[in-house]
Amino acid sequence: MKQITNKEYEEWQKYKAEKVKGYVLLPDTVRFICEANGYDAENIGQHFLEILPKIIECKEGLSL
């Protein structure tokens, strides 16, 4: 069985922490956002452009 490197382990731990905090978009979340915006690419893009500054602002306020 393949052993993982320390770097791979650290990346996995970071992924798990970000997933718990809601920073990782899961397929169901993406599906919900698409459905809420009527599967319109422009509306979906606009939604992400509107929430991106909020996400960045929240993430900068946290110490990871």
PDB file of N, CA and C in Angstrom:
ATOM      1  N   MET A   1       0.843  -1.176   0.000  1.00  0.00           N
ATOM      2  CA  MET A   1       0.000   0.000   0.000  1.00  0.00           C
ATOM      3  C   MET A   1       0.889   1.241   0.000  1.00  0.00           C
ATOM      4  N   LYS A   2       0.500   2.231  -0.789  1.00  0.00           N
ATOM      5  CA  LYS A   2       1.290   3.456  -0.913  1.00  0.00           C
ATOM      6  C   LYS A   2       1.201   4.293   0.366  1.00  0.00           C
ATOM      7  N   GLN A   3       2.335   4.793   0.785  1.00  0.00           N
ATOM      8  CA  GLN A   3       2.390   5.694   1.928  1.00  0.00           C
ATOM      9  C   GLN A   3       2.299   7.131   1.414  1.00  0.00           C
ATOM     10  N   ILE A   4       1.586   7.987   2.137  1.00  0.00           N
ATOM     11  CA  ILE A   4       1.501   9.382   1.710  1.00  0.00           C
ATOM     12  C   ILE A   4       2.629  10.180   2.349  1.00  0.00           C
ATOM     13  N   THR A   5       2.989  11.261   1.679  1.00  0.00           N
ATOM     14  CA  THR A   5       4.046  12.122   2.199  1.00  0.00           C
ATOM     15  C   THR A   5       3.469  13.045   3.267  1.00  0.00           C
ATOM     16  N   ASN A   6       4.347  13.680   4.012  1.00  0.00           N
ATOM     17  CA  ASN A   6       3.895  14.641   5.018  1.00  0.00           C
ATOM     18  C   ASN A   6       3.123  15.780   4.369  1.00  0.00           C
ATOM     19  N   LYS A   7       3.590  16.220   3.199  1.00  0.00           N
ATOM     20  CA  LYS A   7       2.919  17.325   2.499  1.00  0.00           C
ATOM     21  C   LYS A   7       1.503  16.914   2.099  1.00  0.00           C
ATOM     22  N   GLU A   8       1.349  15.703   1.573  1.00  0.00           N
ATOM     23  CA  GLU A   8       0.022  15.217   1.193  1.00  0.00           C
ATOM     24  C   GLU A   8      -0.894  15.129   2.414  1.00  0.00           C
ATOM     25  N   TYR A   9      -0.331  14.693   3.534  1.00  0.00           N
ATOM     26  CA  TYR A   9      -1.113  14.598   4.767  1.00  0.00           C
ATOM     27  C   TYR A   9      -1.552  15.980   5.240  1.00  0.00           C
ATOM     28  N   GLU A  10      -0.645  16.955   5.184  1.00  0.00           N
ATOM     29  CA  GLU A  10      -0.973  18.322   5.588  1.00  0.00           C
ATOM     30  C   GLU A  10      -2.053  18.913   4.687  1.00  0.00           C
ATOM     31  N   GLU A  11      -1.952  18.659   3.373  1.00  0.00           N
ATOM     32  CA  GLU A  11      -2.967  19.150   2.438  1.00  0.00           C
ATOM     33  C   GLU A  11      -4.322  18.515   2.731  1.00  0.00           C
ATOM     34  N   TRP A  12      -4.335  17.232   3.073  1.00  0.00           N
ATOM     35  CA  TRP A  12      -5.577  16.545   3.409  1.00  0.00           C
ATOM     36  C   TRP A  12      -6.190  17.139   4.672  1.00  0.00           C
ATOM     37  N   GLN A  13      -5.365  17.418   5.675  1.00  0.00           N
ATOM     38  CA  GLN A  13      -5.857  18.023   6.911  1.00  0.00           C
ATOM     39  C   GLN A  13      -6.441  19.408   6.637  1.00  0.00           C
ATOM     40  N   LYS A  14      -5.764  20.182   5.791  1.00  0.00           N
ATOM     41  CA  LYS A  14      -6.255  21.516   5.434  1.00  0.00           C
ATOM     42  C   LYS A  14      -7.588  21.404   4.697  1.00  0.00           C
ATOM     43  N   TYR A  15      -7.687  20.457   3.772  1.00  0.00           N
ATOM     44  CA  TYR A  15      -8.937  20.241   3.034  1.00  0.00           C
ATOM     45  C   TYR A  15     -10.074  19.903   3.996  1.00  0.00           C
ATOM     46  N   LYS A  16      -9.816  18.990   4.938  1.00  0.00           N
ATOM     47  CA  LYS A  16     -10.857  18.595   5.886  1.00  0.00           C
ATOM     48  C   LYS A  16     -11.315  19.782   6.727  1.00  0.00           C
ATOM     49  N   ALA A  17     -10.373  20.614   7.173  1.00  0.00           N
ATOM     50  CA  ALA A  17     -10.722  21.779   7.984  1.00  0.00           C
ATOM     51  C   ALA A  17     -11.544  22.778   7.174  1.00  0.00           C
ATOM     52  N   GLU A  18     -11.157  23.003   5.919  1.00  0.00           N
ATOM     53  CA  GLU A  18     -11.893  23.940   5.073  1.00  0.00           C
ATOM     54  C   GLU A  18     -13.277  23.402   4.735  1.00  0.00           C
ATOM     55  N   LYS A  19     -13.397  22.105   4.581  1.00  0.00           N
ATOM     56  CA  LYS A  19     -14.692  21.488   4.288  1.00  0.00           C
ATOM     57  C   LYS A  19     -15.640  21.682   5.469  1.00  0.00           C
ATOM     58  N   VAL A  20     -15.133  21.489   6.681  1.00  0.00           N
ATOM     59  CA  VAL A  20     -15.953  21.659   7.879  1.00  0.00           C
ATOM     60  C   VAL A  20     -16.426  23.106   8.011  1.00  0.00           C
ATOM     61  N   LYS A  21     -15.562  24.056   7.659  1.00  0.00           N
ATOM     62  CA  LYS A  21     -15.911  25.475   7.766  1.00  0.00           C
ATOM     63  C   LYS A  21     -16.792  25.949   6.613  1.00  0.00           C
ATOM     64  N   GLY A  22     -17.009  25.096   5.628  1.00  0.00           N
ATOM     65  CA  GLY A  22     -17.876  25.464   4.513  1.00  0.00           C
ATOM     66  C   GLY A  22     -17.171  26.160   3.373  1.00  0.00           C
ATOM     67  N   TYR A  23     -15.840  26.078   3.321  1.00  0.00           N
ATOM     68  CA  TYR A  23     -15.080  26.743   2.265  1.00  0.00           C
ATOM     69  C   TYR A  23     -14.991  25.911   0.991  1.00  0.00           C
ATOM     70  N   VAL A  24     -15.373  24.654   1.060  1.00  0.00           N
ATOM     71  CA  VAL A  24     -15.293  23.758  -0.091  1.00  0.00           C
ATOM     72  C   VAL A  24     -16.704  23.568  -0.643  1.00  0.00           C
ATOM     73  N   LEU A  25     -16.858  23.814  -1.936  1.00  0.00           N
ATOM     74  CA  LEU A  25     -18.158  23.619  -2.563  1.00  0.00           C
ATOM     75  C   LEU A  25     -18.341  22.145  -2.908  1.00  0.00           C
ATOM     76  N   LEU A  26     -19.340  21.555  -2.325  1.00  0.00           N
ATOM     77  CA  LEU A  26     -19.670  20.168  -2.614  1.00  0.00           C
ATOM     78  C   LEU A  26     -20.610  20.123  -3.817  1.00  0.00           C
ATOM     79  N   PRO A  27     -20.691  18.990  -4.495  1.00  0.00           N
ATOM     80  CA  PRO A  27     -21.567  18.893  -5.672  1.00  0.00           C
ATOM     81  C   PRO A  27     -23.013  19.312  -5.390  1.00  0.00           C
ATOM     82  N   ASP A  28     -23.537  18.953  -4.234  1.00  0.00           N
ATOM     83  CA  ASP A  28     -24.910  19.346  -3.900  1.00  0.00           C
ATOM     84  C   ASP A  28     -25.043  20.860  -3.772  1.00  0.00           C
ATOM     85  N   THR A  29     -24.017  21.508  -3.245  1.00  0.00           N
ATOM     86  CA  THR A  29     -24.036  22.960  -3.108  1.00  0.00           C
ATOM     87  C   THR A  29     -24.025  23.623  -4.473  1.00  0.00           C
ATOM     88  N   VAL A  30     -23.165  23.145  -5.353  1.00  0.00           N
ATOM     89  CA  VAL A  30     -23.094  23.698  -6.708  1.00  0.00           C
ATOM     90  C   VAL A  30     -24.427  23.480  -7.421  1.00  0.00           C
ATOM     91  N   ARG A  31     -24.997  22.301  -7.274  1.00  0.00           N
ATOM     92  CA  ARG A  31     -26.295  21.995  -7.895  1.00  0.00           C
ATOM     93  C   ARG A  31     -27.373  22.940  -7.370  1.00  0.00           C
ATOM     94  N   PHE A  32     -27.366  23.208  -6.069  1.00  0.00           N
ATOM     95  CA  PHE A  32     -28.337  24.112  -5.465  1.00  0.00           C
ATOM     96  C   PHE A  32     -28.191  25.524  -6.022  1.00  0.00           C
ATOM     97  N   ILE A  33     -26.960  26.005  -6.118  1.00  0.00           N
ATOM     98  CA  ILE A  33     -26.711  27.348  -6.644  1.00  0.00           C
ATOM     99  C   ILE A  33     -27.166  27.443  -8.095  1.00  0.00           C
ATOM    100  N   CYS A  34     -26.853  26.424  -8.883  1.00  0.00           N
ATOM    101  CA  CYS A  34     -27.266  26.422 -10.293  1.00  0.00           C
ATOM    102  C   CYS A  34     -28.785  26.413 -10.415  1.00  0.00           C
ATOM    103  N   GLU A  35     -29.435  25.584  -9.623  1.00  0.00           N
ATOM    104  CA  GLU A  35     -30.894  25.501  -9.671  1.00  0.00           C
ATOM    105  C   GLU A  35     -31.530  26.811  -9.223  1.00  0.00           C
ATOM    106  N   ALA A  36     -30.983  27.420  -8.180  1.00  0.00           N
ATOM    107  CA  ALA A  36     -31.525  28.677  -7.671  1.00  0.00           C
ATOM    108  C   ALA A  36     -31.395  29.807  -8.688  1.00  0.00           C
ATOM    109  N   ASN A  37     -30.420  29.697  -9.581  1.00  0.00           N
ATOM    110  CA  ASN A  37     -30.207  30.722 -10.604  1.00  0.00           C
ATOM    111  C   ASN A  37     -30.739  30.288 -11.966  1.00  0.00           C
ATOM    112  N   GLY A  38     -31.613  29.309 -11.979  1.00  0.00           N
ATOM    113  CA  GLY A  38     -32.265  28.876 -13.204  1.00  0.00           C
ATOM    114  C   GLY A  38     -31.328  28.287 -14.242  1.00  0.00           C
ATOM    115  N   TYR A  39     -30.207  27.750 -13.811  1.00  0.00           N
ATOM    116  CA  TYR A  39     -29.207  27.151 -14.713  1.00  0.00           C
ATOM    117  C   TYR A  39     -28.729  28.139 -15.776  1.00  0.00           C
ATOM    118  N   ASP A  40     -28.869  29.426 -15.495  1.00  0.00           N
ATOM    119  CA  ASP A  40     -28.414  30.470 -16.418  1.00  0.00           C
ATOM    120  C   ASP A  40     -26.972  30.821 -16.070  1.00  0.00           C
ATOM    121  N   ALA A  41     -26.077  30.623 -17.023  1.00  0.00           N
ATOM    122  CA  ALA A  41     -24.645  30.827 -16.774  1.00  0.00           C
ATOM    123  C   ALA A  41     -24.340  32.245 -16.307  1.00  0.00           C
ATOM    124  N   GLU A  42     -24.992  33.239 -16.885  1.00  0.00           N
ATOM    125  CA  GLU A  42     -24.733  34.628 -16.480  1.00  0.00           C
ATOM    126  C   GLU A  42     -25.184  34.875 -15.047  1.00  0.00           C
ATOM    127  N   ASN A  43     -26.347  34.355 -14.673  1.00  0.00           N
ATOM    128  CA  ASN A  43     -26.827  34.521 -13.295  1.00  0.00           C
ATOM    129  C   ASN A  43     -25.924  33.802 -12.296  1.00  0.00           C
ATOM    130  N   ILE A  44     -25.476  32.618 -12.663  1.00  0.00           N
ATOM    131  CA  ILE A  44     -24.585  31.857 -11.782  1.00  0.00           C
ATOM    132  C   ILE A  44     -23.269  32.609 -11.605  1.00  0.00           C
ATOM    133  N   GLY A  45     -22.715  33.093 -12.700  1.00  0.00           N
ATOM    134  CA  GLY A  45     -21.476  33.871 -12.634  1.00  0.00           C
ATOM    135  C   GLY A  45     -21.644  35.122 -11.794  1.00  0.00           C
ATOM    136  N   GLN A  46     -22.761  35.811 -11.980  1.00  0.00           N
ATOM    137  CA  GLN A  46     -23.031  37.024 -11.202  1.00  0.00           C
ATOM    138  C   GLN A  46     -23.136  36.694  -9.718  1.00  0.00           C
ATOM    139  N   HIS A  47     -23.774  35.586  -9.401  1.00  0.00           N
ATOM    140  CA  HIS A  47     -23.895  35.155  -8.003  1.00  0.00           C
ATOM    141  C   HIS A  47     -22.510  34.979  -7.375  1.00  0.00           C
ATOM    142  N   PHE A  48     -21.628  34.273  -8.085  1.00  0.00           N
ATOM    143  CA  PHE A  48     -20.287  34.044  -7.542  1.00  0.00           C
ATOM    144  C   PHE A  48     -19.492  35.339  -7.448  1.00  0.00           C
ATOM    145  N   LEU A  49     -19.653  36.236  -8.417  1.00  0.00           N
ATOM    146  CA  LEU A  49     -18.957  37.523  -8.351  1.00  0.00           C
ATOM    147  C   LEU A  49     -19.440  38.352  -7.168  1.00  0.00           C
ATOM    148  N   GLU A  50     -20.703  38.225  -6.821  1.00  0.00           N
ATOM    149  CA  GLU A  50     -21.238  38.972  -5.681  1.00  0.00           C
ATOM    150  C   GLU A  50     -20.788  38.399  -4.342  1.00  0.00           C
ATOM    151  N   ILE A  51     -20.672  37.083  -4.251  1.00  0.00           N
ATOM    152  CA  ILE A  51     -20.308  36.500  -2.954  1.00  0.00           C
ATOM    153  C   ILE A  51     -18.797  36.371  -2.756  1.00  0.00           C
ATOM    154  N   LEU A  52     -18.030  36.430  -3.841  1.00  0.00           N
ATOM    155  CA  LEU A  52     -16.579  36.268  -3.723  1.00  0.00           C
ATOM    156  C   LEU A  52     -15.946  37.266  -2.755  1.00  0.00           C
ATOM    157  N   PRO A  53     -16.258  38.575  -2.839  1.00  0.00           N
ATOM    158  CA  PRO A  53     -15.651  39.503  -1.865  1.00  0.00           C
ATOM    159  C   PRO A  53     -16.000  39.156  -0.417  1.00  0.00           C
ATOM    160  N   LYS A  54     -17.211  38.672  -0.185  1.00  0.00           N
ATOM    161  CA  LYS A  54     -17.609  38.292   1.175  1.00  0.00           C
ATOM    162  C   LYS A  54     -16.797  37.097   1.666  1.00  0.00           C
ATOM    163  N   ILE A  55     -16.574  36.141   0.772  1.00  0.00           N
ATOM    164  CA  ILE A  55     -15.800  34.952   1.139  1.00  0.00           C
ATOM    165  C   ILE A  55     -14.364  35.335   1.457  1.00  0.00           C
ATOM    166  N   ILE A  56     -13.780  36.169   0.610  1.00  0.00           N
ATOM    167  CA  ILE A  56     -12.394  36.598   0.820  1.00  0.00           C
ATOM    168  C   ILE A  56     -12.282  37.378   2.123  1.00  0.00           C
ATOM    169  N   GLU A  57     -13.240  38.258   2.375  1.00  0.00           N
ATOM    170  CA  GLU A  57     -13.230  39.062   3.593  1.00  0.00           C
ATOM    171  C   GLU A  57     -13.317  38.177   4.832  1.00  0.00           C
ATOM    172  N   CYS A  58     -14.185  37.185   4.798  1.00  0.00           N
ATOM    173  CA  CYS A  58     -14.329  36.273   5.940  1.00  0.00           C
ATOM    174  C   CYS A  58     -13.067  35.450   6.146  1.00  0.00           C
ATOM    175  N   LYS A  59     -12.486  34.970   5.061  1.00  0.00           N
ATOM    176  CA  LYS A  59     -11.316  34.111   5.163  1.00  0.00           C
ATOM    177  C   LYS A  59     -10.108  34.892   5.680  1.00  0.00           C
ATOM    178  N   GLU A  60      -9.986  36.176   5.295  1.00  0.00           N
ATOM    179  CA  GLU A  60      -8.862  36.984   5.771  1.00  0.00           C
ATOM    180  C   GLU A  60      -8.979  37.270   7.260  1.00  0.00           C
ATOM    181  N   GLY A  61     -10.196  37.300   7.762  1.00  0.00           N
ATOM    182  CA  GLY A  61     -10.414  37.563   9.178  1.00  0.00           C
ATOM    183  C   GLY A  61     -10.124  36.365  10.065  1.00  0.00           C
ATOM    184  N   LEU A  62      -9.971  35.196   9.469  1.00  0.00           N
ATOM    185  CA  LEU A  62      -9.709  33.978  10.231  1.00  0.00           C
ATOM    186  C   LEU A  62      -8.239  33.619  10.180  1.00  0.00           C
ATOM    187  N   SER A  63      -7.757  33.037  11.234  1.00  0.00           N
ATOM    188  CA  SER A  63      -6.383  32.536  11.216  1.00  0.00           C
ATOM    189  C   SER A  63      -6.435  31.034  11.016  1.00  0.00           C
ATOM    190  N   LEU A  64      -5.917  30.583   9.881  1.00  0.00           N
ATOM    191  CA  LEU A  64      -5.944  29.150   9.581  1.00  0.00           C
ATOM    192  C   LEU A  64      -4.663  28.491   9.995  1.00  0.00           C
TER     193      LEU A  64
END
